PDB file of N, CA and C in Angstrom:
ATOM      1  N   MET A   1     115.302 107.793  98.688  1.00  0.00           N
ATOM      2  CA  MET A   1     116.066 108.486  98.399  1.00  0.00           C
ATOM      3  C   MET A   1     116.586 109.308  99.083  1.00  0.00           C
ATOM      4  N   SER A   2     117.818 109.632  99.630  1.00  0.00           N
ATOM      5  CA  SER A   2     117.966 110.034 100.819  1.00  0.00           C
ATOM      6  C   SER A   2     118.113 111.720 100.424  1.00  0.00           C
ATOM      7  N   GLU A   3     118.612 112.364  99.241  1.00  0.00           N
ATOM      8  CA  GLU A   3     118.828 113.627  99.324  1.00  0.00           C
ATOM      9  C   GLU A   3     117.644 114.394  98.836  1.00  0.00           C
ATOM     10  N   THR A   4     116.224 113.721  98.551  1.00  0.00           N
ATOM     11  CA  THR A   4     115.354 114.019  98.276  1.00  0.00           C
ATOM     12  C   THR A   4     114.307 113.833  99.342  1.00  0.00           C
ATOM     13  N   ALA A   5     113.469 114.932  99.897  1.00  0.00           N
ATOM     14  CA  ALA A   5     112.664 114.592 101.062  1.00  0.00           C
ATOM     15  C   ALA A   5     111.074 113.809  99.808  1.00  0.00           C
ATOM     16  N   LEU A   6     110.723 113.199 100.835  1.00  0.00           N
ATOM     17  CA  LEU A   6     109.329 112.679  99.954  1.00  0.00           C
ATOM     18  C   LEU A   6     108.376 113.607  99.433  1.00  0.00           C
ATOM     19  N   TYR A   7     108.215 114.638 100.540  1.00  0.00           N
ATOM     20  CA  TYR A   7     107.184 115.528 100.087  1.00  0.00           C
ATOM     21  C   TYR A   7     107.315 116.748 101.051  1.00  0.00           C
ATOM     22  N   GLU A   8     106.556 117.749 100.799  1.00  0.00           N
ATOM     23  CA  GLU A   8     106.491 119.204 101.544  1.00  0.00           C
ATOM     24  C   GLU A   8     105.252 118.916 102.148  1.00  0.00           C
ATOM     25  N   PRO A   9     105.181 118.691 103.325  1.00  0.00           N
ATOM     26  CA  PRO A   9     104.130 118.917 104.436  1.00  0.00           C
ATOM     27  C   PRO A   9     103.296 119.911 104.372  1.00  0.00           C
ATOM     28  N   ALA A  10     103.995 121.453 104.440  1.00  0.00           N
ATOM     29  CA  ALA A  10     103.276 122.737 104.338  1.00  0.00           C
ATOM     30  C   ALA A  10     102.726 122.823 103.076  1.00  0.00           C
ATOM     31  N   MET A  11     103.128 122.295 101.904  1.00  0.00           N
ATOM     32  CA  MET A  11     102.176 122.542 100.683  1.00  0.00           C
ATOM     33  C   MET A  11     100.950 121.976 100.555  1.00  0.00           C
ATOM     34  N   LEU A  12     101.368 120.698 101.343  1.00  0.00           N
ATOM     35  CA  LEU A  12      99.576 119.838 101.322  1.00  0.00           C
ATOM     36  C   LEU A  12      99.009 120.527 102.262  1.00  0.00           C
ATOM     37  N   ALA A  13      99.358 121.071 103.235  1.00  0.00           N
ATOM     38  CA  ALA A  13      98.596 121.981 104.399  1.00  0.00           C
ATOM     39  C   ALA A  13      97.982 123.206 103.427  1.00  0.00           C
ATOM     40  N   GLU A  14      98.558 123.933 102.781  1.00  0.00           N
ATOM     41  CA  GLU A  14      98.444 125.075 102.131  1.00  0.00           C
ATOM     42  C   GLU A  14      97.002 124.623 101.164  1.00  0.00           C
ATOM     43  N   LEU A  15      97.613 123.704 100.455  1.00  0.00           N
ATOM     44  CA  LEU A  15      96.512 122.974  99.442  1.00  0.00           C
ATOM     45  C   LEU A  15      94.912 122.635 100.022  1.00  0.00           C
ATOM     46  N   ARG A  16      95.103 121.912 101.169  1.00  0.00           N
ATOM     47  CA  ARG A  16      93.968 121.637 101.921  1.00  0.00           C
ATOM     48  C   ARG A  16      93.453 123.039 102.394  1.00  0.00           C
ATOM     49  N   THR A  17      94.071 123.888 102.837  1.00  0.00           N
ATOM     50  CA  THR A  17      93.459 125.362 103.058  1.00  0.00           C
ATOM     51  C   THR A  17      92.631 126.090 102.098  1.00  0.00           C
ATOM     52  N   VAL A  18      93.638 126.031 100.887  1.00  0.00           N
ATOM     53  CA  VAL A  18      92.854 126.734  99.808  1.00  0.00           C
ATOM     54  C   VAL A  18      92.094 125.930  99.065  1.00  0.00           C
ATOM     55  N   MET A  19      91.911 124.853  98.843  1.00  0.00           N
ATOM     56  CA  MET A  19      91.139 123.859  98.249  1.00  0.00           C
ATOM     57  C   MET A  19      89.367 123.720  98.977  1.00  0.00           C
ATOM     58  N   GLU A  20      90.154 123.504 100.312  1.00  0.00           N
ATOM     59  CA  GLU A  20      89.059 123.421 101.300  1.00  0.00           C
ATOM     60  C   GLU A  20      88.219 121.852 101.070  1.00  0.00           C
ATOM     61  N   GLU A  21      86.916 121.763 100.831  1.00  0.00           N
ATOM     62  CA  GLU A  21      86.223 120.620 100.850  1.00  0.00           C
ATOM     63  C   GLU A  21      86.827 119.808  99.241  1.00  0.00           C
ATOM     64  N   ASP A  22      87.542 120.317  98.331  1.00  0.00           N
ATOM     65  CA  ASP A  22      87.942 120.018  97.082  1.00  0.00           C
ATOM     66  C   ASP A  22      89.205 119.270  97.227  1.00  0.00           C
ATOM     67  N   PHE A  23      89.841 119.601  98.244  1.00  0.00           N
ATOM     68  CA  PHE A  23      91.029 118.883  98.503  1.00  0.00           C
ATOM     69  C   PHE A  23      91.309 117.326  98.183  1.00  0.00           C
ATOM     70  N   THR A  24      90.013 116.635  98.653  1.00  0.00           N
ATOM     71  CA  THR A  24      89.993 115.056  98.705  1.00  0.00           C
ATOM     72  C   THR A  24      89.733 114.793  97.372  1.00  0.00           C
ATOM     73  N   LEU A  25      88.823 115.179  96.573  1.00  0.00           N
ATOM     74  CA  LEU A  25      88.964 115.109  95.164  1.00  0.00           C
ATOM     75  C   LEU A  25      90.236 115.580  94.536  1.00  0.00           C
ATOM     76  N   LEU A  26      91.250 116.453  94.746  1.00  0.00           N
ATOM     77  CA  LEU A  26      92.251 116.488  94.195  1.00  0.00           C
ATOM     78  C   LEU A  26      92.870 115.353  94.436  1.00  0.00           C
ATOM     79  N   VAL A  27      93.380 115.030  95.705  1.00  0.00           N
ATOM     80  CA  VAL A  27      93.918 113.880  96.012  1.00  0.00           C
ATOM     81  C   VAL A  27      93.505 112.524  95.479  1.00  0.00           C
ATOM     82  N   GLU A  28      92.353 112.227  95.464  1.00  0.00           N
ATOM     83  CA  GLU A  28      91.688 111.072  94.893  1.00  0.00           C
ATOM     84  C   GLU A  28      92.209 111.039  93.314  1.00  0.00           C
ATOM     85  N   THR A  29      91.788 112.223  92.410  1.00  0.00           N
ATOM     86  CA  THR A  29      92.352 112.168  91.270  1.00  0.00           C
ATOM     87  C   THR A  29      93.608 112.223  90.886  1.00  0.00           C
ATOM     88  N   PHE A  30      94.458 112.607  91.885  1.00  0.00           N
ATOM     89  CA  PHE A  30      95.874 112.439  91.718  1.00  0.00           C
ATOM     90  C   PHE A  30      96.261 111.053  91.538  1.00  0.00           C
ATOM     91  N   LEU A  31      95.813 110.438  92.783  1.00  0.00           N
ATOM     92  CA  LEU A  31      96.057 108.860  92.733  1.00  0.00           C
ATOM     93  C   LEU A  31      95.483 108.347  91.732  1.00  0.00           C
ATOM     94  N   THR A  32      94.454 108.317  91.146  1.00  0.00           N
ATOM     95  CA  THR A  32      93.811 107.786  89.945  1.00  0.00           C
ATOM     96  C   THR A  32      94.548 108.209  88.545  1.00  0.00           C
ATOM     97  N   ASP A  33      94.970 109.120  88.439  1.00  0.00           N
ATOM     98  CA  ASP A  33      95.686 109.720  87.379  1.00  0.00           C
ATOM     99  C   ASP A  33      97.045 109.092  87.415  1.00  0.00           C
ATOM    100  N   THR A  34      97.580 108.990  88.682  1.00  0.00           N
ATOM    101  CA  THR A  34      99.301 108.717  88.607  1.00  0.00           C
ATOM    102  C   THR A  34      99.466 106.949  88.227  1.00  0.00           C
ATOM    103  N   GLN A  35      98.376 106.434  88.772  1.00  0.00           N
ATOM    104  CA  GLN A  35      98.376 105.115  88.499  1.00  0.00           C
ATOM    105  C   GLN A  35      98.263 104.936  86.762  1.00  0.00           C
ATOM    106  N   THR A  36      97.448 105.893  86.067  1.00  0.00           N
ATOM    107  CA  THR A  36      97.313 105.682  84.632  1.00  0.00           C
ATOM    108  C   THR A  36      98.634 106.192  84.049  1.00  0.00           C
ATOM    109  N   ARG A  37      99.173 107.231  84.312  1.00  0.00           N
ATOM    110  CA  ARG A  37     100.379 107.857  84.032  1.00  0.00           C
ATOM    111  C   ARG A  37     101.462 106.841  84.417  1.00  0.00           C
ATOM    112  N   ILE A  38     101.547 106.071  85.311  1.00  0.00           N
ATOM    113  CA  ILE A  38     102.835 105.272  85.456  1.00  0.00           C
ATOM    114  C   ILE A  38     102.478 103.928  84.410  1.00  0.00           C
ATOM    115  N   ARG A  39     101.080 103.556  83.813  1.00  0.00           N
ATOM    116  CA  ARG A  39     100.950 102.456  82.992  1.00  0.00           C
ATOM    117  C   ARG A  39     101.366 103.054  81.708  1.00  0.00           C
ATOM    118  N   SER A  40     101.313 104.466  81.380  1.00  0.00           N
ATOM    119  CA  SER A  40     101.432 104.781  80.099  1.00  0.00           C
ATOM    120  C   SER A  40     103.081 104.848  80.055  1.00  0.00           C
ATOM    121  N   ILE A  41     103.675 104.984  81.139  1.00  0.00           N
ATOM    122  CA  ILE A  41     105.162 104.926  81.252  1.00  0.00           C
ATOM    123  C   ILE A  41     105.664 103.739  80.742  1.00  0.00           C
ATOM    124  N   SER A  42     105.087 102.876  81.448  1.00  0.00           N
ATOM    125  CA  SER A  42     105.211 101.552  81.249  1.00  0.00           C
ATOM    126  C   SER A  42     105.291 101.109  79.694  1.00  0.00           C
ATOM    127  N   GLU A  43     104.026 101.619  79.203  1.00  0.00           N
ATOM    128  CA  GLU A  43     103.680 100.932  77.839  1.00  0.00           C
ATOM    129  C   GLU A  43     104.475 101.758  76.967  1.00  0.00           C
ATOM    130  N   ALA A  44     104.806 103.057  77.410  1.00  0.00           N
ATOM    131  CA  ALA A  44     106.263 103.463  76.237  1.00  0.00           C
ATOM    132  C   ALA A  44     107.381 102.714  76.218  1.00  0.00           C
ATOM    133  N   LEU A  45     107.691 102.425  77.666  1.00  0.00           N
ATOM    134  CA  LEU A  45     109.057 101.734  77.691  1.00  0.00           C
ATOM    135  C   LEU A  45     108.988 100.291  76.540  1.00  0.00           C
ATOM    136  N   GLN A  46     107.533  99.788  76.813  1.00  0.00           N
ATOM    137  CA  GLN A  46     107.620  98.603  76.103  1.00  0.00           C
ATOM    138  C   GLN A  46     107.606  98.728  74.710  1.00  0.00           C
ATOM    139  N   GLN A  47     107.030  99.547  74.332  1.00  0.00           N
ATOM    140  CA  GLN A  47     107.188 100.039  72.723  1.00  0.00           C
ATOM    141  C   GLN A  47     108.599 100.754  72.285  1.00  0.00           C
ATOM    142  N   GLY A  48     109.090 101.038  73.037  1.00  0.00           N
ATOM    143  CA  GLY A  48     110.509 101.607  72.784  1.00  0.00           C
ATOM    144  C   GLY A  48     110.248 103.282  72.391  1.00  0.00           C
ATOM    145  N   ASP A  49     109.043 103.788  72.875  1.00  0.00           N
ATOM    146  CA  ASP A  49     108.768 105.070  72.361  1.00  0.00           C
ATOM    147  C   ASP A  49     109.241 106.233  73.144  1.00  0.00           C
ATOM    148  N   ALA A  50     110.471 106.699  73.093  1.00  0.00           N
ATOM    149  CA  ALA A  50     111.118 107.572  73.842  1.00  0.00           C
ATOM    150  C   ALA A  50     110.351 109.063  74.284  1.00  0.00           C
ATOM    151  N   ASP A  51     109.669 109.590  73.003  1.00  0.00           N
ATOM    152  CA  ASP A  51     108.895 110.477  73.053  1.00  0.00           C
ATOM    153  C   ASP A  51     107.474 110.478  74.072  1.00  0.00           C
ATOM    154  N   ALA A  52     106.900 109.519  73.722  1.00  0.00           N
ATOM    155  CA  ALA A  52     105.701 109.135  74.438  1.00  0.00           C
ATOM    156  C   ALA A  52     106.137 108.922  76.122  1.00  0.00           C
ATOM    157  N   PHE A  53     107.337 108.401  76.351  1.00  0.00           N
ATOM    158  CA  PHE A  53     108.043 108.119  77.825  1.00  0.00           C
ATOM    159  C   PHE A  53     108.210 109.617  78.158  1.00  0.00           C
ATOM    160  N   ARG A  54     108.828 110.140  77.414  1.00  0.00           N
ATOM    161  CA  ARG A  54     109.153 111.815  77.968  1.00  0.00           C
ATOM    162  C   ARG A  54     107.775 112.570  78.239  1.00  0.00           C
ATOM    163  N   ARG A  55     106.492 112.346  77.621  1.00  0.00           N
ATOM    164  CA  ARG A  55     105.131 112.986  77.675  1.00  0.00           C
ATOM    165  C   ARG A  55     104.998 112.673  78.630  1.00  0.00           C
ATOM    166  N   ALA A  56     104.906 111.228  79.281  1.00  0.00           N
ATOM    167  CA  ALA A  56     104.126 110.592  80.587  1.00  0.00           C
ATOM    168  C   ALA A  56     104.825 111.242  81.759  1.00  0.00           C
ATOM    169  N   CYS A  57     105.815 111.139  81.876  1.00  0.00           N
ATOM    170  CA  CYS A  57     106.991 111.422  82.678  1.00  0.00           C
ATOM    171  C   CYS A  57     106.783 113.099  83.079  1.00  0.00           C
ATOM    172  N   HIS A  58     106.669 113.489  82.088  1.00  0.00           N
ATOM    173  CA  HIS A  58     106.720 114.918  81.977  1.00  0.00           C
ATOM    174  C   HIS A  58     104.942 115.640  82.611  1.00  0.00           C
ATOM    175  N   SER A  59     104.152 114.852  82.565  1.00  0.00           N
ATOM    176  CA  SER A  59     102.621 114.704  83.128  1.00  0.00           C
ATOM    177  C   SER A  59     102.789 114.644  84.325  1.00  0.00           C
ATOM    178  N   LEU A  60     103.538 113.406  84.759  1.00  0.00           N
ATOM    179  CA  LEU A  60     103.693 112.849  86.274  1.00  0.00           C
ATOM    180  C   LEU A  60     104.291 114.151  86.963  1.00  0.00           C
ATOM    181  N   LYS A  61     105.439 114.630  86.446  1.00  0.00           N
ATOM    182  CA  LYS A  61     106.446 115.598  87.095  1.00  0.00           C
ATOM    183  C   LYS A  61     105.140 116.783  87.469  1.00  0.00           C
ATOM    184  N   GLY A  62     104.784 117.292  86.587  1.00  0.00           N
ATOM    185  CA  GLY A  62     103.901 118.500  86.784  1.00  0.00           C
ATOM    186  C   GLY A  62     103.092 118.154  87.924  1.00  0.00           C
ATOM    187  N   SER A  63     102.267 117.259  88.060  1.00  0.00           N
ATOM    188  CA  SER A  63     101.036 116.745  88.925  1.00  0.00           C
ATOM    189  C   SER A  63     101.900 116.594  90.247  1.00  0.00           C
ATOM    190  N   ALA A  64     102.795 116.029  90.424  1.00  0.00           N
ATOM    191  CA  ALA A  64     103.605 115.744  91.404  1.00  0.00           C
ATOM    192  C   ALA A  64     104.021 116.970  92.135  1.00  0.00           C
ATOM    193  N   SER A  65     104.783 117.815  91.414  1.00  0.00           N
ATOM    194  CA  SER A  65     105.090 119.111  91.709  1.00  0.00           C
ATOM    195  C   SER A  65     104.156 120.160  92.225  1.00  0.00           C
ATOM    196  N   ASN A  66     102.773 119.854  91.609  1.00  0.00           N
ATOM    197  CA  ASN A  66     101.729 120.666  92.139  1.00  0.00           C
ATOM    198  C   ASN A  66     101.198 120.437  93.527  1.00  0.00           C
ATOM    199  N   LEU A  67     101.504 119.251  93.941  1.00  0.00           N
ATOM    200  CA  LEU A  67     101.188 118.711  95.082  1.00  0.00           C
ATOM    201  C   LEU A  67     102.102 118.721  96.391  1.00  0.00           C
ATOM    202  N   GLY A  68     103.608 119.159  95.673  1.00  0.00           N
ATOM    203  CA  GLY A  68     104.519 119.193  96.661  1.00  0.00           C
ATOM    204  C   GLY A  68     105.038 117.820  96.784  1.00  0.00           C
ATOM    205  N   LEU A  69     105.044 116.795  96.088  1.00  0.00           N
ATOM    206  CA  LEU A  69     105.375 115.471  96.229  1.00  0.00           C
ATOM    207  C   LEU A  69     107.028 115.591  95.631  1.00  0.00           C
ATOM    208  N   THR A  70     107.749 116.117  96.067  1.00  0.00           N
ATOM    209  CA  THR A  70     109.298 116.296  95.811  1.00  0.00           C
ATOM    210  C   THR A  70     109.901 114.876  95.295  1.00  0.00           C
ATOM    211  N   GLU A  71     110.011 113.894  95.938  1.00  0.00           N
ATOM    212  CA  GLU A  71     110.679 112.150  95.375  1.00  0.00           C
ATOM    213  C   GLU A  71     109.946 112.362  94.211  1.00  0.00           C
ATOM    214  N   LEU A  72     108.589 112.039  94.027  1.00  0.00           N
ATOM    215  CA  LEU A  72     107.935 111.702  92.938  1.00  0.00           C
ATOM    216  C   LEU A  72     108.303 112.827  91.492  1.00  0.00           C
ATOM    217  N   GLU A  73     108.424 113.890  91.838  1.00  0.00           N
ATOM    218  CA  GLU A  73     108.810 114.874  90.989  1.00  0.00           C
ATOM    219  C   GLU A  73     110.019 114.419  90.514  1.00  0.00           C
ATOM    220  N   HIS A  74     111.086 114.392  91.265  1.00  0.00           N
ATOM    221  CA  HIS A  74     112.717 114.150  91.153  1.00  0.00           C
ATOM    222  C   HIS A  74     112.452 113.053  90.106  1.00  0.00           C
ATOM    223  N   PHE A  75     111.909 112.010  90.354  1.00  0.00           N
ATOM    224  CA  PHE A  75     112.049 110.851  89.539  1.00  0.00           C
ATOM    225  C   PHE A  75     111.494 110.843  88.343  1.00  0.00           C
ATOM    226  N   ALA A  76     110.374 111.596  88.181  1.00  0.00           N
ATOM    227  CA  ALA A  76     109.418 111.684  87.004  1.00  0.00           C
ATOM    228  C   ALA A  76     110.688 112.694  86.181  1.00  0.00           C
ATOM    229  N   ARG A  77     111.109 113.848  86.538  1.00  0.00           N
ATOM    230  CA  ARG A  77     111.920 114.649  85.936  1.00  0.00           C
ATOM    231  C   ARG A  77     113.170 113.748  85.151  1.00  0.00           C
ATOM    232  N   ARG A  78     113.840 113.031  86.214  1.00  0.00           N
ATOM    233  CA  ARG A  78     114.714 112.043  85.570  1.00  0.00           C
ATOM    234  C   ARG A  78     114.225 111.333  84.295  1.00  0.00           C
ATOM    235  N   GLY A  79     112.976 110.627  84.404  1.00  0.00           N
ATOM    236  CA  GLY A  79     112.183 110.000  83.262  1.00  0.00           C
ATOM    237  C   GLY A  79     112.233 110.824  81.726  1.00  0.00           C
ATOM    238  N   GLU A  80     111.736 112.193  81.954  1.00  0.00           N
ATOM    239  CA  GLU A  80     111.532 112.920  81.346  1.00  0.00           C
ATOM    240  C   GLU A  80     113.054 113.330  80.725  1.00  0.00           C
ATOM    241  N   GLU A  81     113.795 113.451  81.217  1.00  0.00           N
ATOM    242  CA  GLU A  81     115.213 113.947  80.768  1.00  0.00           C
ATOM    243  C   GLU A  81     115.533 112.827  79.991  1.00  0.00           C
ATOM    244  N   MET A  82     115.234 111.729  80.154  1.00  0.00           N
ATOM    245  CA  MET A  82     115.848 110.516  79.718  1.00  0.00           C
ATOM    246  C   MET A  82     114.866 110.569  78.217  1.00  0.00           C
ATOM    247  N   GLY A  83     113.749 110.733  78.265  1.00  0.00           N
ATOM    248  CA  GLY A  83     113.205 110.536  76.936  1.00  0.00           C
ATOM    249  C   GLY A  83     113.550 111.817  76.223  1.00  0.00           C
ATOM    250  N   HIS A  84     113.896 112.824  76.748  1.00  0.00           N
ATOM    251  CA  HIS A  84     114.646 114.012  75.848  1.00  0.00           C
ATOM    252  C   HIS A  84     115.636 113.456  75.348  1.00  0.00           C
ATOM    253  N   SER A  85     116.298 112.787  75.863  1.00  0.00           N
ATOM    254  CA  SER A  85     117.573 111.951  75.048  1.00  0.00           C
ATOM    255  C   SER A  85     117.245 111.269  73.452  1.00  0.00           C
ATOM    256  N   GLY A  86     116.026 110.637  73.739  1.00  0.00           N
ATOM    257  CA  GLY A  86     116.046 109.747  72.795  1.00  0.00           C
ATOM    258  C   GLY A  86     116.272 108.248  72.923  1.00  0.00           C
ATOM    259  N   SER A  87     116.922 108.240  74.083  1.00  0.00           N
ATOM    260  CA  SER A  87     117.359 106.482  74.228  1.00  0.00           C
ATOM    261  C   SER A  87     116.907 106.284  75.672  1.00  0.00           C
ATOM    262  N   LEU A  88     116.212 104.916  75.725  1.00  0.00           N
ATOM    263  CA  LEU A  88     115.362 104.531  76.733  1.00  0.00           C
ATOM    264  C   LEU A  88     116.391 103.562  77.618  1.00  0.00           C
ATOM    265  N   ASP A  89     117.990 103.577  77.404  1.00  0.00           N
ATOM    266  CA  ASP A  89     118.697 102.917  78.035  1.00  0.00           C
ATOM    267  C   ASP A  89     118.385 103.001  79.375  1.00  0.00           C
ATOM    268  N   GLY A  90     118.165 102.033  80.322  1.00  0.00           N
ATOM    269  CA  GLY A  90     117.914 102.279  81.591  1.00  0.00           C
ATOM    270  C   GLY A  90     116.737 102.840  82.371  1.00  0.00           C
ATOM    271  N   ALA A  91     115.541 103.143  81.166  1.00  0.00           N
ATOM    272  CA  ALA A  91     114.213 103.491  81.497  1.00  0.00           C
ATOM    273  C   ALA A  91     113.637 102.550  82.189  1.00  0.00           C
ATOM    274  N   GLY A  92     114.060 101.481  82.236  1.00  0.00           N
ATOM    275  CA  GLY A  92     113.267 100.401  83.399  1.00  0.00           C
ATOM    276  C   GLY A  92     113.495 100.989  84.774  1.00  0.00           C
ATOM    277  N   GLU A  93     114.954 101.279  84.841  1.00  0.00           N
ATOM    278  CA  GLU A  93     115.180 101.864  86.188  1.00  0.00           C
ATOM    279  C   GLU A  93     114.526 102.952  86.797  1.00  0.00           C
ATOM    280  N   ARG A  94     114.205 103.804  85.556  1.00  0.00           N
ATOM    281  CA  ARG A  94     113.579 105.153  85.941  1.00  0.00           C
ATOM    282  C   ARG A  94     111.924 104.785  86.370  1.00  0.00           C
ATOM    283  N   LEU A  95     111.672 103.865  85.358  1.00  0.00           N
ATOM    284  CA  LEU A  95     110.242 103.259  85.869  1.00  0.00           C
ATOM    285  C   LEU A  95     110.183 102.962  87.076  1.00  0.00           C
ATOM    286  N   ASP A  96     111.007 101.747  87.520  1.00  0.00           N
ATOM    287  CA  ASP A  96     110.923 101.101  89.108  1.00  0.00           C
ATOM    288  C   ASP A  96     110.881 102.624  90.066  1.00  0.00           C
ATOM    289  N   GLU A  97     111.851 103.344  89.828  1.00  0.00           N
ATOM    290  CA  GLU A  97     111.969 104.472  90.914  1.00  0.00           C
ATOM    291  C   GLU A  97     110.856 105.185  91.132  1.00  0.00           C
ATOM    292  N   ILE A  98     110.018 105.486  89.809  1.00  0.00           N
ATOM    293  CA  ILE A  98     108.740 106.274  89.690  1.00  0.00           C
ATOM    294  C   ILE A  98     107.818 105.376  90.567  1.00  0.00           C
ATOM    295  N   SER A  99     107.748 104.282  90.094  1.00  0.00           N
ATOM    296  CA  SER A  99     106.695 103.174  91.079  1.00  0.00           C
ATOM    297  C   SER A  99     107.115 103.444  92.371  1.00  0.00           C
ATOM    298  N   ALA A 100     108.330 102.873  92.894  1.00  0.00           N
ATOM    299  CA  ALA A 100     108.577 102.875  94.321  1.00  0.00           C
ATOM    300  C   ALA A 100     108.263 104.346  94.757  1.00  0.00           C
ATOM    301  N   ALA A 101     108.574 105.362  94.297  1.00  0.00           N
ATOM    302  CA  ALA A 101     108.369 106.737  95.011  1.00  0.00           C
ATOM    303  C   ALA A 101     106.819 107.055  94.962  1.00  0.00           C
ATOM    304  N   PHE A 102     106.142 106.356  94.129  1.00  0.00           N
ATOM    305  CA  PHE A 102     104.597 106.468  94.166  1.00  0.00           C
ATOM    306  C   PHE A 102     104.094 105.432  95.489  1.00  0.00           C
ATOM    307  N   SER A 103     104.772 104.447  95.523  1.00  0.00           N
ATOM    308  CA  SER A 103     104.293 103.497  96.567  1.00  0.00           C
ATOM    309  C   SER A 103     104.579 104.293  98.115  1.00  0.00           C
ATOM    310  N   ARG A 104     105.681 104.804  98.000  1.00  0.00           N
ATOM    311  CA  ARG A 104     105.959 105.435  99.203  1.00  0.00           C
ATOM    312  C   ARG A 104     105.374 106.779  99.598  1.00  0.00           C
ATOM    313  N   ILE A 105     104.570 107.588  98.548  1.00  0.00           N
ATOM    314  CA  ILE A 105     103.268 108.834  99.065  1.00  0.00           C
ATOM    315  C   ILE A 105     102.365 108.346  98.851  1.00  0.00           C
ATOM    316  N   GLU A 106     101.720 107.165  98.321  1.00  0.00           N
ATOM    317  CA  GLU A 106     100.498 106.710  98.243  1.00  0.00           C
ATOM    318  C   GLU A 106      99.774 106.590  99.472  1.00  0.00           C
ATOM    319  N   PRO A 107     100.313 106.007 100.316  1.00  0.00           N
ATOM    320  CA  PRO A 107      99.946 105.802 101.880  1.00  0.00           C
ATOM    321  C   PRO A 107      99.774 107.474 102.529  1.00  0.00           C
ATOM    322  N   VAL A 108     100.587 107.929 102.354  1.00  0.00           N
ATOM    323  CA  VAL A 108     100.760 109.177 103.050  1.00  0.00           C
ATOM    324  C   VAL A 108      99.634 110.224 102.491  1.00  0.00           C
ATOM    325  N   LEU A 109      99.281 110.004 101.054  1.00  0.00           N
ATOM    326  CA  LEU A 109      98.298 110.942 100.493  1.00  0.00           C
ATOM    327  C   LEU A 109      96.700 110.238 100.826  1.00  0.00           C
ATOM    328  N   LYS A 110      96.856 109.096 101.134  1.00  0.00           N
ATOM    329  CA  LYS A 110      95.366 108.120 101.480  1.00  0.00           C
ATOM    330  C   LYS A 110      94.971 108.915 102.959  1.00  0.00           C
ATOM    331  N   ALA A 111      96.031 108.733 103.678  1.00  0.00           N
ATOM    332  CA  ALA A 111      96.052 109.497 104.974  1.00  0.00           C
ATOM    333  C   ALA A 111      95.546 110.599 105.433  1.00  0.00           C
ATOM    334  N   GLU A 112      95.958 111.691 104.623  1.00  0.00           N
ATOM    335  CA  GLU A 112      95.724 112.689 104.416  1.00  0.00           C
ATOM    336  C   GLU A 112      94.149 113.049 104.105  1.00  0.00           C
ATOM    337  N   ILE A 113      93.671 112.250 103.429  1.00  0.00           N
ATOM    338  CA  ILE A 113      92.267 112.369 102.899  1.00  0.00           C
ATOM    339  C   ILE A 113      91.349 111.709 103.998  1.00  0.00           C
ATOM    340  N   THR A 114      91.739 110.631 104.758  1.00  0.00           N
ATOM    341  CA  THR A 114      90.871 109.807 105.382  1.00  0.00           C
ATOM    342  C   THR A 114      91.030 110.328 106.973  1.00  0.00           C
ATOM    343  N   GLY A 115      92.403 111.290 107.068  1.00  0.00           N
ATOM    344  CA  GLY A 115      92.596 111.515 108.681  1.00  0.00           C
ATOM    345  C   GLY A 115      93.066 110.818 109.522  1.00  0.00           C
ATOM    346  N   SER A 116      93.595 109.447 109.060  1.00  0.00           N
ATOM    347  CA  SER A 116      94.156 108.876 109.733  1.00  0.00           C
ATOM    348  C   SER A 116      95.894 108.547 109.627  1.00  0.00           C
TER     349      SER A 116
END
């Protein structure tokens, strides 16, 4: 997405400083939890449950925001807004956007914790 940066490097650097040795655990937990949340978003979509879709997107939005993952946060917010509307028309596209944003940030986060 061109108008939204992938993430805020300064925020990750600040978290690394503040969290010290717990930074790796934070990132690993985020990676695992995000996979679970994306599955929950997909399941809510398959079940036609707009409220569950909204809740899962909201949860992902908050987690992404806490790490400064601006692109993922943006797409999760769009999914949350869609869930608020009660309609899941176009929700497959939101899920695709969220999944793609996670695919882009995942290697960045893994590099942050492996030092590569």
